[in-house]
Amino acid sequence: MPPPPSSLGKDPLAPLAVEGLPPSTSTKVPSPPIIPPAAPPKTWKNLFSPSSNPDSALQFFEPSIVDGIPRAKPPPDVVAKGALEWENALVAFLVGKKFPASKVKEVLLQKWGQVGTFSFHIVSNGVFLIKFNNGQYRDWIMDNGPWDLWGYHLALRKWTKGMSLKLEECSSIPVWVKLSNVPVHLWTKLGLSYIASVLGRPLYMDAQTTNR
């Protein structure tokens, strides 16, 4: 019995024509995605490989031995050059409350950002180093206090070489106060001294009051 007409002369593995597609079209199976090889894990040695930034390289200097203990003793010119970078800096102590450093920086930018530029550095929780681009800007901050953040006092000190950068426990702290309804005839250095003595030991007037 002859084979059915549909199979005469046909390769059983030949592609079949599908309605709506050209007879030569064949079904393609998508190839699997190419997954790049995983990067080799970093070794401890790789963590200390030389950086591409030449400014990151350090040098070795023989330490001094004092009572059998190695001590660093940089020469005076190294100390002086390093101190020069911070001569326009203030140390800020946030008294009574700890806030995230990012929030502290954000508020100080709002308060001081229109006067000049500064860099903000975290020393410890509640203690910050604020470096200004010039001494005039730094002095303006000092003369136009007091400053507070969310109602908490921000104590400011001019940075000096060797000063402590710790917020020590204290029973009292100098603060700025604003006096209102002062009689005109007591708007003098002695008159204000008598009034401020009710609050404690008066120290100074601000620049605006002094130069009125």
N, C-alpha and C. Protein backbone atom coordinates (compact mmCIF):
# COMPACT_ATOMS: atom_id res chain seq x y z
N MET A 1 0.88 -1.19 0.00
CA MET A 1 0.00 0.00 0.00
C MET A 1 0.90 1.22 0.00
N PRO A 2 0.67 2.18 -0.91
CA PRO A 2 1.56 3.35 -0.97
C PRO A 2 1.34 4.25 0.21
N PRO A 3 2.38 5.01 0.58
CA PRO A 3 2.26 5.93 1.74
C PRO A 3 1.30 7.03 1.44
N PRO A 4 0.79 7.67 2.46
CA PRO A 4 -0.14 8.79 2.26
C PRO A 4 0.52 9.87 1.44
N PRO A 5 -0.28 10.60 0.65
CA PRO A 5 0.30 11.62 -0.23
C PRO A 5 1.07 12.69 0.52
N SER A 6 0.66 12.99 1.76
CA SER A 6 1.29 14.08 2.49
C SER A 6 2.72 13.76 2.88
N SER A 7 3.10 12.48 2.87
CA SER A 7 4.43 12.12 3.31
C SER A 7 5.36 11.80 2.16
N LEU A 8 4.84 11.86 0.90
CA LEU A 8 5.70 11.50 -0.23
C LEU A 8 6.78 12.56 -0.42
N GLY A 9 8.00 12.11 -0.49
CA GLY A 9 9.12 13.01 -0.77
C GLY A 9 9.43 13.98 0.35
N LYS A 10 8.91 13.78 1.54
CA LYS A 10 9.14 14.70 2.66
C LYS A 10 10.16 14.11 3.63
N ASP A 11 11.00 14.98 4.13
CA ASP A 11 11.92 14.60 5.20
C ASP A 11 11.15 14.64 6.49
N PRO A 12 11.09 13.51 7.22
CA PRO A 12 10.28 13.53 8.46
C PRO A 12 10.76 14.55 9.47
N LEU A 13 12.00 15.05 9.33
CA LEU A 13 12.51 16.04 10.28
C LEU A 13 12.46 17.45 9.71
N ALA A 14 11.94 17.62 8.51
CA ALA A 14 11.88 18.95 7.90
C ALA A 14 10.88 19.80 8.64
N PRO A 15 11.12 21.15 8.70
CA PRO A 15 10.18 22.03 9.39
C PRO A 15 8.87 22.08 8.66
N LEU A 16 7.80 22.24 9.41
CA LEU A 16 6.46 22.31 8.85
C LEU A 16 6.07 23.76 8.64
N ALA A 17 5.26 23.99 7.59
CA ALA A 17 4.73 25.34 7.36
C ALA A 17 3.60 25.59 8.34
N VAL A 18 3.56 26.82 8.88
CA VAL A 18 2.51 27.21 9.82
C VAL A 18 1.76 28.37 9.20
N GLU A 19 0.47 28.34 9.32
CA GLU A 19 -0.35 29.39 8.72
C GLU A 19 0.04 30.75 9.30
N GLY A 20 0.23 31.72 8.42
CA GLY A 20 0.60 33.06 8.83
C GLY A 20 2.08 33.30 8.84
N LEU A 21 2.92 32.25 8.66
CA LEU A 21 4.37 32.39 8.65
C LEU A 21 4.90 31.89 7.33
N PRO A 22 6.03 32.44 6.85
CA PRO A 22 6.62 31.91 5.61
C PRO A 22 7.00 30.45 5.80
N PRO A 23 6.98 29.69 4.73
CA PRO A 23 7.29 28.25 4.84
C PRO A 23 8.68 28.00 5.39
N SER A 24 9.61 28.96 5.19
CA SER A 24 10.99 28.71 5.63
C SER A 24 11.22 29.07 7.08
N THR A 25 10.21 29.62 7.73
CA THR A 25 10.39 30.06 9.13
C THR A 25 10.44 28.85 10.04
N SER A 26 11.40 28.86 10.97
CA SER A 26 11.51 27.76 11.93
C SER A 26 11.45 28.32 13.34
N THR A 27 11.01 27.52 14.25
CA THR A 27 10.90 27.92 15.65
C THR A 27 12.27 27.88 16.31
N LYS A 28 12.66 29.02 16.98
CA LYS A 28 13.96 29.09 17.65
C LYS A 28 13.78 29.08 19.17
N VAL A 29 14.60 28.33 19.83
CA VAL A 29 14.58 28.26 21.28
C VAL A 29 15.57 29.29 21.82
N PRO A 30 15.17 30.23 22.71
CA PRO A 30 16.11 31.26 23.22
C PRO A 30 17.27 30.62 23.97
N SER A 31 18.43 31.17 23.74
CA SER A 31 19.61 30.64 24.43
C SER A 31 19.64 31.16 25.86
N PRO A 32 20.20 30.40 26.77
CA PRO A 32 20.25 30.83 28.18
C PRO A 32 21.13 32.07 28.33
N PRO A 33 20.83 32.94 29.33
CA PRO A 33 21.64 34.16 29.52
C PRO A 33 23.08 33.81 29.87
N ILE A 34 23.97 34.68 29.43
CA ILE A 34 25.39 34.49 29.72
C ILE A 34 25.71 35.10 31.08
N ILE A 35 26.15 34.31 31.98
CA ILE A 35 26.49 34.77 33.33
C ILE A 35 27.99 34.98 33.41
N PRO A 36 28.42 36.21 33.68
CA PRO A 36 29.87 36.46 33.75
C PRO A 36 30.48 35.70 34.92
N PRO A 37 31.71 35.33 34.78
CA PRO A 37 32.35 34.60 35.88
C PRO A 37 32.45 35.48 37.13
N ALA A 38 32.29 34.87 38.27
CA ALA A 38 32.34 35.61 39.53
C ALA A 38 33.75 36.13 39.78
N ALA A 39 33.81 37.35 40.34
CA ALA A 39 35.12 37.94 40.65
C ALA A 39 35.78 37.13 41.76
N PRO A 40 37.06 36.96 41.67
CA PRO A 40 37.73 36.21 42.73
C PRO A 40 37.61 36.93 44.06
N PRO A 41 37.44 36.22 45.14
CA PRO A 41 37.30 36.87 46.45
C PRO A 41 38.56 37.64 46.81
N LYS A 42 38.35 38.80 47.49
CA LYS A 42 39.49 39.61 47.91
C LYS A 42 40.22 38.94 49.07
N THR A 43 41.51 38.93 48.96
CA THR A 43 42.32 38.39 50.04
C THR A 43 42.71 39.51 50.98
N TRP A 44 43.21 39.13 52.15
CA TRP A 44 43.67 40.11 53.13
C TRP A 44 44.79 40.98 52.54
N LYS A 45 45.62 40.37 51.70
CA LYS A 45 46.71 41.11 51.08
C LYS A 45 46.18 42.19 50.14
N ASN A 46 45.10 41.88 49.42
CA ASN A 46 44.55 42.84 48.48
C ASN A 46 44.00 44.09 49.17
N LEU A 47 43.58 43.95 50.42
CA LEU A 47 43.04 45.10 51.14
C LEU A 47 44.10 46.16 51.38
N PHE A 48 45.37 45.78 51.32
CA PHE A 48 46.46 46.72 51.58
C PHE A 48 47.30 46.96 50.34
N SER A 49 46.74 46.71 49.18
CA SER A 49 47.47 46.97 47.95
C SER A 49 47.57 48.47 47.72
N PRO A 50 48.58 48.94 47.01
CA PRO A 50 48.76 50.38 46.81
C PRO A 50 47.55 51.03 46.15
N SER A 51 47.21 52.22 46.63
CA SER A 51 46.09 52.96 46.06
C SER A 51 46.53 53.70 44.81
N SER A 52 45.56 53.97 43.93
CA SER A 52 45.87 54.74 42.73
C SER A 52 46.07 56.22 43.05
N ASN A 53 45.67 56.64 44.26
CA ASN A 53 45.84 58.04 44.66
C ASN A 53 47.20 58.20 45.35
N PRO A 54 48.13 58.94 44.77
CA PRO A 54 49.46 59.05 45.39
C PRO A 54 49.43 59.77 46.74
N ASP A 55 48.40 60.60 46.99
CA ASP A 55 48.32 61.33 48.26
C ASP A 55 48.00 60.42 49.44
N SER A 56 47.59 59.18 49.17
CA SER A 56 47.23 58.27 50.27
C SER A 56 48.43 57.55 50.87
N ALA A 57 49.59 57.64 50.22
CA ALA A 57 50.77 56.90 50.68
C ALA A 57 51.35 57.54 51.95
N LEU A 58 51.71 56.70 52.92
CA LEU A 58 52.35 57.14 54.15
C LEU A 58 53.83 56.76 54.14
N GLN A 59 54.57 57.33 55.07
CA GLN A 59 55.99 57.04 55.20
C GLN A 59 56.28 56.50 56.60
N PHE A 60 57.38 55.79 56.71
CA PHE A 60 57.80 55.29 58.01
C PHE A 60 58.88 56.21 58.57
N PHE A 61 58.71 56.62 59.83
CA PHE A 61 59.71 57.42 60.55
C PHE A 61 60.05 56.70 61.85
N GLU A 62 61.31 56.55 62.09
CA GLU A 62 61.76 55.83 63.29
C GLU A 62 61.27 56.54 64.54
N PRO A 63 60.50 55.87 65.40
CA PRO A 63 60.00 56.53 66.61
C PRO A 63 61.10 56.69 67.65
N SER A 64 60.89 57.62 68.56
CA SER A 64 61.80 57.78 69.69
C SER A 64 61.43 56.77 70.77
N ILE A 65 62.40 56.29 71.49
CA ILE A 65 62.17 55.33 72.57
C ILE A 65 62.33 56.07 73.89
N VAL A 66 61.25 56.13 74.66
CA VAL A 66 61.25 56.80 75.96
C VAL A 66 60.84 55.79 77.01
N ASP A 67 61.79 55.47 77.94
CA ASP A 67 61.53 54.47 78.98
C ASP A 67 61.08 53.14 78.38
N GLY A 68 61.69 52.80 77.24
CA GLY A 68 61.38 51.54 76.58
C GLY A 68 60.10 51.54 75.79
N ILE A 69 59.44 52.68 75.67
CA ILE A 69 58.17 52.77 74.95
C ILE A 69 58.36 53.64 73.72
N PRO A 70 57.98 53.16 72.52
CA PRO A 70 58.12 53.98 71.31
C PRO A 70 57.16 55.17 71.33
N ARG A 71 57.70 56.33 71.02
CA ARG A 71 56.91 57.56 71.03
C ARG A 71 57.07 58.29 69.69
N ALA A 72 55.98 58.84 69.20
CA ALA A 72 56.05 59.66 67.99
C ALA A 72 56.48 61.07 68.38
N LYS A 73 57.44 61.60 67.65
CA LYS A 73 57.93 62.95 67.93
C LYS A 73 58.15 63.69 66.61
N PRO A 74 57.07 64.20 66.01
CA PRO A 74 57.23 64.94 64.75
C PRO A 74 58.05 66.20 64.98
N PRO A 75 58.84 66.62 64.00
CA PRO A 75 59.62 67.85 64.14
C PRO A 75 58.71 69.08 64.19
N PRO A 76 59.20 70.21 64.69
CA PRO A 76 58.36 71.41 64.85
C PRO A 76 57.72 71.89 63.56
N ASP A 77 58.42 71.76 62.43
CA ASP A 77 57.83 72.25 61.18
C ASP A 77 56.62 71.43 60.76
N VAL A 78 56.62 70.12 61.06
CA VAL A 78 55.46 69.28 60.75
C VAL A 78 54.28 69.68 61.63
N VAL A 79 54.56 69.93 62.91
CA VAL A 79 53.50 70.33 63.84
C VAL A 79 52.92 71.69 63.43
N ALA A 80 53.79 72.63 63.08
CA ALA A 80 53.34 73.97 62.72
C ALA A 80 52.50 73.94 61.43
N LYS A 81 52.93 73.15 60.46
CA LYS A 81 52.19 73.08 59.21
C LYS A 81 50.82 72.45 59.42
N GLY A 82 50.76 71.42 60.25
CA GLY A 82 49.46 70.79 60.53
C GLY A 82 48.54 71.72 61.29
N ALA A 83 49.09 72.48 62.25
CA ALA A 83 48.26 73.42 63.02
C ALA A 83 47.74 74.54 62.15
N LEU A 84 48.50 74.92 61.13
CA LEU A 84 48.08 76.00 60.25
C LEU A 84 46.80 75.65 59.51
N GLU A 85 46.58 74.37 59.23
CA GLU A 85 45.37 73.96 58.52
C GLU A 85 44.11 74.16 59.36
N TRP A 86 44.26 74.23 60.70
CA TRP A 86 43.11 74.30 61.59
C TRP A 86 43.03 75.63 62.33
N GLU A 87 43.81 76.63 61.91
CA GLU A 87 43.84 77.89 62.65
C GLU A 87 42.51 78.63 62.63
N ASN A 88 41.66 78.35 61.64
CA ASN A 88 40.36 79.01 61.55
C ASN A 88 39.22 78.10 61.98
N ALA A 89 39.51 77.14 62.84
CA ALA A 89 38.51 76.15 63.24
C ALA A 89 37.91 76.47 64.60
N LEU A 90 36.70 75.99 64.79
CA LEU A 90 36.03 76.03 66.09
C LEU A 90 35.74 74.60 66.54
N VAL A 91 35.80 74.40 67.85
CA VAL A 91 35.35 73.14 68.44
C VAL A 91 33.95 73.38 68.98
N ALA A 92 33.00 72.56 68.56
CA ALA A 92 31.61 72.71 68.96
C ALA A 92 31.20 71.57 69.87
N PHE A 93 30.64 71.92 71.02
CA PHE A 93 30.15 70.94 71.99
C PHE A 93 28.64 71.12 72.12
N LEU A 94 27.89 70.10 71.78
CA LEU A 94 26.44 70.15 71.93
C LEU A 94 26.09 69.68 73.34
N VAL A 95 25.58 70.59 74.14
CA VAL A 95 25.39 70.34 75.57
C VAL A 95 23.98 69.84 75.85
N GLY A 96 23.90 68.71 76.54
CA GLY A 96 22.63 68.23 77.06
C GLY A 96 21.89 67.24 76.19
N LYS A 97 22.30 67.05 74.95
CA LYS A 97 21.59 66.15 74.06
C LYS A 97 22.51 65.68 72.96
N LYS A 98 22.32 64.44 72.52
CA LYS A 98 23.09 63.88 71.41
C LYS A 98 22.16 63.73 70.20
N PHE A 99 22.60 64.29 69.07
CA PHE A 99 21.85 64.18 67.83
C PHE A 99 22.74 63.61 66.75
N PRO A 100 22.17 62.98 65.72
CA PRO A 100 22.99 62.48 64.61
C PRO A 100 23.80 63.62 63.99
N ALA A 101 25.06 63.32 63.67
CA ALA A 101 25.94 64.35 63.12
C ALA A 101 25.37 64.94 61.82
N SER A 102 24.70 64.13 61.02
CA SER A 102 24.14 64.63 59.76
C SER A 102 23.10 65.70 60.01
N LYS A 103 22.30 65.54 61.08
CA LYS A 103 21.29 66.53 61.40
C LYS A 103 21.93 67.82 61.93
N VAL A 104 22.99 67.66 62.74
CA VAL A 104 23.70 68.83 63.25
C VAL A 104 24.28 69.64 62.10
N LYS A 105 24.92 68.96 61.18
CA LYS A 105 25.51 69.65 60.02
C LYS A 105 24.44 70.35 59.20
N GLU A 106 23.31 69.69 59.01
CA GLU A 106 22.23 70.27 58.21
C GLU A 106 21.73 71.58 58.82
N VAL A 107 21.55 71.61 60.15
CA VAL A 107 21.06 72.83 60.81
C VAL A 107 22.12 73.93 60.76
N LEU A 108 23.40 73.59 60.96
CA LEU A 108 24.45 74.60 60.91
C LEU A 108 24.58 75.19 59.52
N LEU A 109 24.37 74.39 58.49
CA LEU A 109 24.39 74.92 57.13
C LEU A 109 23.26 75.94 56.93
N GLN A 110 22.12 75.68 57.53
CA GLN A 110 21.01 76.61 57.43
C GLN A 110 21.31 77.91 58.18
N LYS A 111 21.98 77.80 59.32
CA LYS A 111 22.26 78.98 60.14
C LYS A 111 23.46 79.77 59.61
N TRP A 112 24.49 79.08 59.15
CA TRP A 112 25.76 79.74 58.82
C TRP A 112 26.11 79.72 57.34
N GLY A 113 25.40 78.94 56.54
CA GLY A 113 25.81 78.71 55.16
C GLY A 113 25.82 79.96 54.31
N GLN A 114 25.00 80.97 54.62
CA GLN A 114 24.95 82.16 53.79
C GLN A 114 26.10 83.12 54.10
N VAL A 115 26.80 82.91 55.19
CA VAL A 115 27.90 83.80 55.56
C VAL A 115 29.20 83.36 54.89
N GLY A 116 29.41 82.06 54.76
CA GLY A 116 30.63 81.53 54.15
C GLY A 116 30.56 80.02 54.08
N THR A 117 31.69 79.41 53.82
CA THR A 117 31.75 77.95 53.70
C THR A 117 32.56 77.38 54.85
N PHE A 118 32.25 76.15 55.21
CA PHE A 118 33.00 75.47 56.26
C PHE A 118 32.94 73.97 56.00
N SER A 119 33.90 73.28 56.59
CA SER A 119 33.89 71.81 56.56
C SER A 119 33.55 71.31 57.96
N PHE A 120 32.86 70.19 58.00
CA PHE A 120 32.30 69.66 59.25
C PHE A 120 32.94 68.31 59.54
N HIS A 121 33.50 68.16 60.75
CA HIS A 121 34.24 66.95 61.10
C HIS A 121 33.76 66.43 62.46
N ILE A 122 33.51 65.13 62.53
CA ILE A 122 33.04 64.50 63.76
C ILE A 122 34.24 64.10 64.61
N VAL A 123 34.27 64.56 65.86
CA VAL A 123 35.30 64.17 66.80
C VAL A 123 34.81 62.99 67.64
N SER A 124 33.66 63.15 68.24
CA SER A 124 33.01 62.09 69.02
C SER A 124 31.54 62.45 69.12
N ASN A 125 30.80 61.68 69.87
CA ASN A 125 29.37 61.92 69.99
C ASN A 125 29.12 63.25 70.70
N GLY A 126 28.60 64.22 69.95
CA GLY A 126 28.31 65.53 70.54
C GLY A 126 29.45 66.52 70.45
N VAL A 127 30.58 66.14 69.85
CA VAL A 127 31.74 67.04 69.71
C VAL A 127 32.13 67.08 68.24
N PHE A 128 32.30 68.30 67.71
CA PHE A 128 32.56 68.46 66.29
C PHE A 128 33.65 69.52 66.07
N LEU A 129 34.42 69.34 65.03
CA LEU A 129 35.38 70.33 64.58
C LEU A 129 34.81 70.99 63.33
N ILE A 130 34.76 72.31 63.33
CA ILE A 130 34.20 73.05 62.21
C ILE A 130 35.27 74.00 61.69
N LYS A 131 35.74 73.74 60.47
CA LYS A 131 36.84 74.51 59.89
C LYS A 131 36.29 75.49 58.87
N PHE A 132 36.57 76.78 59.09
CA PHE A 132 36.07 77.83 58.23
C PHE A 132 37.13 78.24 57.22
N ASN A 133 36.67 78.86 56.14
CA ASN A 133 37.61 79.23 55.09
C ASN A 133 38.44 80.46 55.42
N ASN A 134 38.06 81.21 56.47
CA ASN A 134 38.89 82.33 56.92
C ASN A 134 38.55 82.68 58.36
N GLY A 135 39.46 83.44 58.99
CA GLY A 135 39.27 83.81 60.39
C GLY A 135 38.14 84.79 60.61
N GLN A 136 37.84 85.62 59.60
CA GLN A 136 36.76 86.59 59.73
C GLN A 136 35.42 85.89 59.86
N TYR A 137 35.22 84.86 59.08
CA TYR A 137 33.99 84.07 59.15
C TYR A 137 33.88 83.40 60.52
N ARG A 138 34.97 82.79 60.98
CA ARG A 138 34.96 82.15 62.30
C ARG A 138 34.61 83.14 63.40
N ASP A 139 35.21 84.34 63.36
CA ASP A 139 34.96 85.34 64.40
C ASP A 139 33.52 85.85 64.34
N TRP A 140 32.94 85.91 63.13
CA TRP A 140 31.54 86.32 63.03
C TRP A 140 30.65 85.33 63.76
N ILE A 141 30.94 84.06 63.63
CA ILE A 141 30.16 83.03 64.33
C ILE A 141 30.27 83.23 65.84
N MET A 142 31.48 83.49 66.32
CA MET A 142 31.68 83.67 67.75
C MET A 142 30.97 84.92 68.26
N ASP A 143 31.01 86.00 67.48
CA ASP A 143 30.47 87.28 67.94
C ASP A 143 28.96 87.36 67.85
N ASN A 144 28.34 86.49 67.08
CA ASN A 144 26.90 86.58 66.88
C ASN A 144 26.14 85.46 67.57
N GLY A 145 26.75 84.84 68.56
CA GLY A 145 26.06 83.85 69.35
C GLY A 145 25.12 84.51 70.36
N PRO A 146 24.50 83.75 71.25
CA PRO A 146 24.68 82.29 71.39
C PRO A 146 23.93 81.53 70.30
N TRP A 147 24.38 80.28 70.10
CA TRP A 147 23.77 79.40 69.11
C TRP A 147 23.18 78.18 69.81
N ASP A 148 22.08 77.72 69.31
CA ASP A 148 21.48 76.51 69.87
C ASP A 148 20.94 75.66 68.74
N LEU A 149 20.76 74.38 69.03
CA LEU A 149 20.18 73.42 68.09
C LEU A 149 19.01 72.76 68.79
N TRP A 150 17.80 73.02 68.26
CA TRP A 150 16.58 72.46 68.85
C TRP A 150 16.45 72.79 70.34
N GLY A 151 16.92 73.98 70.71
CA GLY A 151 16.81 74.41 72.10
C GLY A 151 17.97 73.98 72.99
N TYR A 152 18.93 73.25 72.46
CA TYR A 152 20.09 72.82 73.25
C TYR A 152 21.30 73.68 72.89
N HIS A 153 22.03 74.08 73.91
CA HIS A 153 23.13 75.03 73.74
C HIS A 153 24.29 74.40 72.97
N LEU A 154 24.83 75.17 72.02
CA LEU A 154 26.02 74.76 71.28
C LEU A 154 27.19 75.60 71.76
N ALA A 155 28.04 75.01 72.58
CA ALA A 155 29.20 75.72 73.11
C ALA A 155 30.31 75.70 72.07
N LEU A 156 30.89 76.87 71.80
CA LEU A 156 31.92 77.01 70.78
C LEU A 156 33.21 77.53 71.40
N ARG A 157 34.33 76.94 70.98
CA ARG A 157 35.64 77.41 71.41
C ARG A 157 36.56 77.47 70.19
N LYS A 158 37.40 78.49 70.14
CA LYS A 158 38.40 78.53 69.08
C LYS A 158 39.39 77.39 69.28
N TRP A 159 39.67 76.70 68.20
CA TRP A 159 40.62 75.58 68.30
C TRP A 159 42.02 76.11 68.53
N THR A 160 42.72 75.47 69.45
CA THR A 160 44.13 75.77 69.69
C THR A 160 44.88 74.44 69.79
N LYS A 161 46.12 74.47 69.43
CA LYS A 161 46.94 73.26 69.46
C LYS A 161 47.04 72.73 70.89
N GLY A 162 46.75 71.46 71.07
CA GLY A 162 46.86 70.84 72.38
C GLY A 162 45.61 70.91 73.23
N MET A 163 44.55 71.58 72.77
CA MET A 163 43.34 71.68 73.58
C MET A 163 42.60 70.35 73.63
N SER A 164 41.86 70.13 74.68
CA SER A 164 41.09 68.90 74.83
C SER A 164 39.87 68.95 73.91
N LEU A 165 39.60 67.84 73.27
CA LEU A 165 38.44 67.73 72.39
C LEU A 165 37.37 66.85 73.02
N LYS A 166 37.35 66.81 74.34
CA LYS A 166 36.36 66.01 75.06
C LYS A 166 35.37 66.93 75.76
N LEU A 167 34.12 66.52 75.76
CA LEU A 167 33.09 67.24 76.50
C LEU A 167 33.04 66.64 77.90
N GLU A 168 33.73 67.30 78.82
CA GLU A 168 33.83 66.78 80.18
C GLU A 168 32.54 67.05 80.95
N GLU A 169 32.34 66.24 82.00
CA GLU A 169 31.22 66.50 82.90
C GLU A 169 31.48 67.82 83.63
N CYS A 170 30.44 68.66 83.73
CA CYS A 170 30.62 69.95 84.39
C CYS A 170 29.34 70.33 85.12
N SER A 171 29.51 71.10 86.18
CA SER A 171 28.36 71.55 86.97
C SER A 171 27.87 72.91 86.51
N SER A 172 28.69 73.64 85.74
CA SER A 172 28.28 74.94 85.21
C SER A 172 28.97 75.17 83.88
N ILE A 173 28.39 76.05 83.08
CA ILE A 173 28.95 76.34 81.77
C ILE A 173 28.58 77.76 81.40
N PRO A 174 29.49 78.53 80.80
CA PRO A 174 29.14 79.89 80.40
C PRO A 174 28.14 79.87 79.24
N VAL A 175 27.14 80.73 79.33
CA VAL A 175 26.13 80.84 78.28
C VAL A 175 25.86 82.31 78.00
N TRP A 176 25.33 82.57 76.81
CA TRP A 176 24.88 83.91 76.46
C TRP A 176 23.42 84.06 76.86
N VAL A 177 23.06 85.22 77.38
CA VAL A 177 21.67 85.51 77.72
C VAL A 177 21.26 86.81 77.03
N LYS A 178 20.00 86.93 76.71
CA LYS A 178 19.45 88.14 76.10
C LYS A 178 18.57 88.84 77.13
N LEU A 179 18.88 90.09 77.41
CA LEU A 179 18.12 90.88 78.37
C LEU A 179 17.09 91.72 77.62
N SER A 180 15.90 91.78 78.13
CA SER A 180 14.85 92.59 77.51
C SER A 180 14.30 93.59 78.52
N ASN A 181 13.69 94.66 78.00
CA ASN A 181 13.07 95.71 78.82
C ASN A 181 14.07 96.34 79.80
N VAL A 182 15.32 96.51 79.35
CA VAL A 182 16.33 97.16 80.19
C VAL A 182 16.08 98.67 80.16
N PRO A 183 15.99 99.31 81.32
CA PRO A 183 15.82 100.77 81.34
C PRO A 183 16.97 101.46 80.61
N VAL A 184 16.66 102.52 79.89
CA VAL A 184 17.66 103.20 79.08
C VAL A 184 18.81 103.71 79.94
N HIS A 185 18.52 104.23 81.15
CA HIS A 185 19.58 104.79 81.98
C HIS A 185 20.50 103.73 82.57
N LEU A 186 20.15 102.43 82.40
CA LEU A 186 21.03 101.34 82.85
C LEU A 186 21.70 100.63 81.65
N TRP A 187 21.54 101.21 80.46
CA TRP A 187 22.15 100.61 79.27
C TRP A 187 23.60 101.06 79.18
N THR A 188 24.34 100.75 80.23
CA THR A 188 25.77 101.07 80.31
C THR A 188 26.51 99.81 80.76
N LYS A 189 27.82 99.87 80.69
CA LYS A 189 28.61 98.71 81.09
C LYS A 189 28.36 98.35 82.56
N LEU A 190 28.36 99.37 83.43
CA LEU A 190 28.12 99.10 84.86
C LEU A 190 26.67 98.71 85.10
N GLY A 191 25.73 99.40 84.43
CA GLY A 191 24.33 99.08 84.65
C GLY A 191 24.00 97.66 84.24
N LEU A 192 24.51 97.23 83.07
CA LEU A 192 24.28 95.86 82.64
C LEU A 192 24.98 94.86 83.53
N SER A 193 26.11 95.24 84.10
CA SER A 193 26.82 94.34 85.01
C SER A 193 25.98 94.07 86.25
N TYR A 194 25.33 95.11 86.78
CA TYR A 194 24.49 94.91 87.95
C TYR A 194 23.29 94.02 87.64
N ILE A 195 22.67 94.24 86.48
CA ILE A 195 21.50 93.44 86.11
C ILE A 195 21.90 91.98 85.87
N ALA A 196 23.00 91.76 85.12
CA ALA A 196 23.41 90.39 84.80
C ALA A 196 23.89 89.64 86.02
N SER A 197 24.32 90.35 87.06
CA SER A 197 24.82 89.69 88.27
C SER A 197 23.70 88.94 89.00
N VAL A 198 22.45 89.27 88.69
CA VAL A 198 21.33 88.54 89.28
C VAL A 198 21.33 87.09 88.78
N LEU A 199 21.83 86.87 87.58
CA LEU A 199 21.82 85.54 86.98
C LEU A 199 23.07 84.73 87.34
N GLY A 200 24.16 85.39 87.65
CA GLY A 200 25.43 84.72 87.92
C GLY A 200 26.56 85.71 87.76
N ARG A 201 27.76 85.23 87.48
CA ARG A 201 28.90 86.12 87.31
C ARG A 201 28.97 86.55 85.85
N PRO A 202 28.73 87.83 85.54
CA PRO A 202 28.76 88.28 84.15
C PRO A 202 30.18 88.30 83.61
N LEU A 203 30.32 88.00 82.34
CA LEU A 203 31.64 87.93 81.70
C LEU A 203 31.82 89.02 80.65
N TYR A 204 31.04 88.97 79.57
CA TYR A 204 31.24 89.88 78.46
C TYR A 204 29.90 90.32 77.88
N MET A 205 29.94 91.44 77.14
CA MET A 205 28.85 91.83 76.27
C MET A 205 29.19 91.36 74.86
N ASP A 206 28.17 91.15 74.04
CA ASP A 206 28.45 90.79 72.65
C ASP A 206 28.91 92.01 71.87
N ALA A 207 29.37 91.80 70.64
CA ALA A 207 29.96 92.88 69.85
C ALA A 207 28.96 93.99 69.57
N GLN A 208 27.71 93.64 69.29
CA GLN A 208 26.71 94.64 68.96
C GLN A 208 26.42 95.54 70.16
N THR A 209 26.34 94.94 71.35
CA THR A 209 26.08 95.75 72.55
C THR A 209 27.28 96.60 72.90
N THR A 210 28.48 96.07 72.75
CA THR A 210 29.69 96.82 73.07
C THR A 210 29.86 98.02 72.16
N ASN A 211 29.55 97.84 70.87
CA ASN A 211 29.79 98.90 69.88
C ASN A 211 28.56 99.72 69.55
N ARG A 212 27.58 99.70 70.40
CA ARG A 212 26.33 100.42 70.09
C ARG A 212 26.57 101.93 70.06
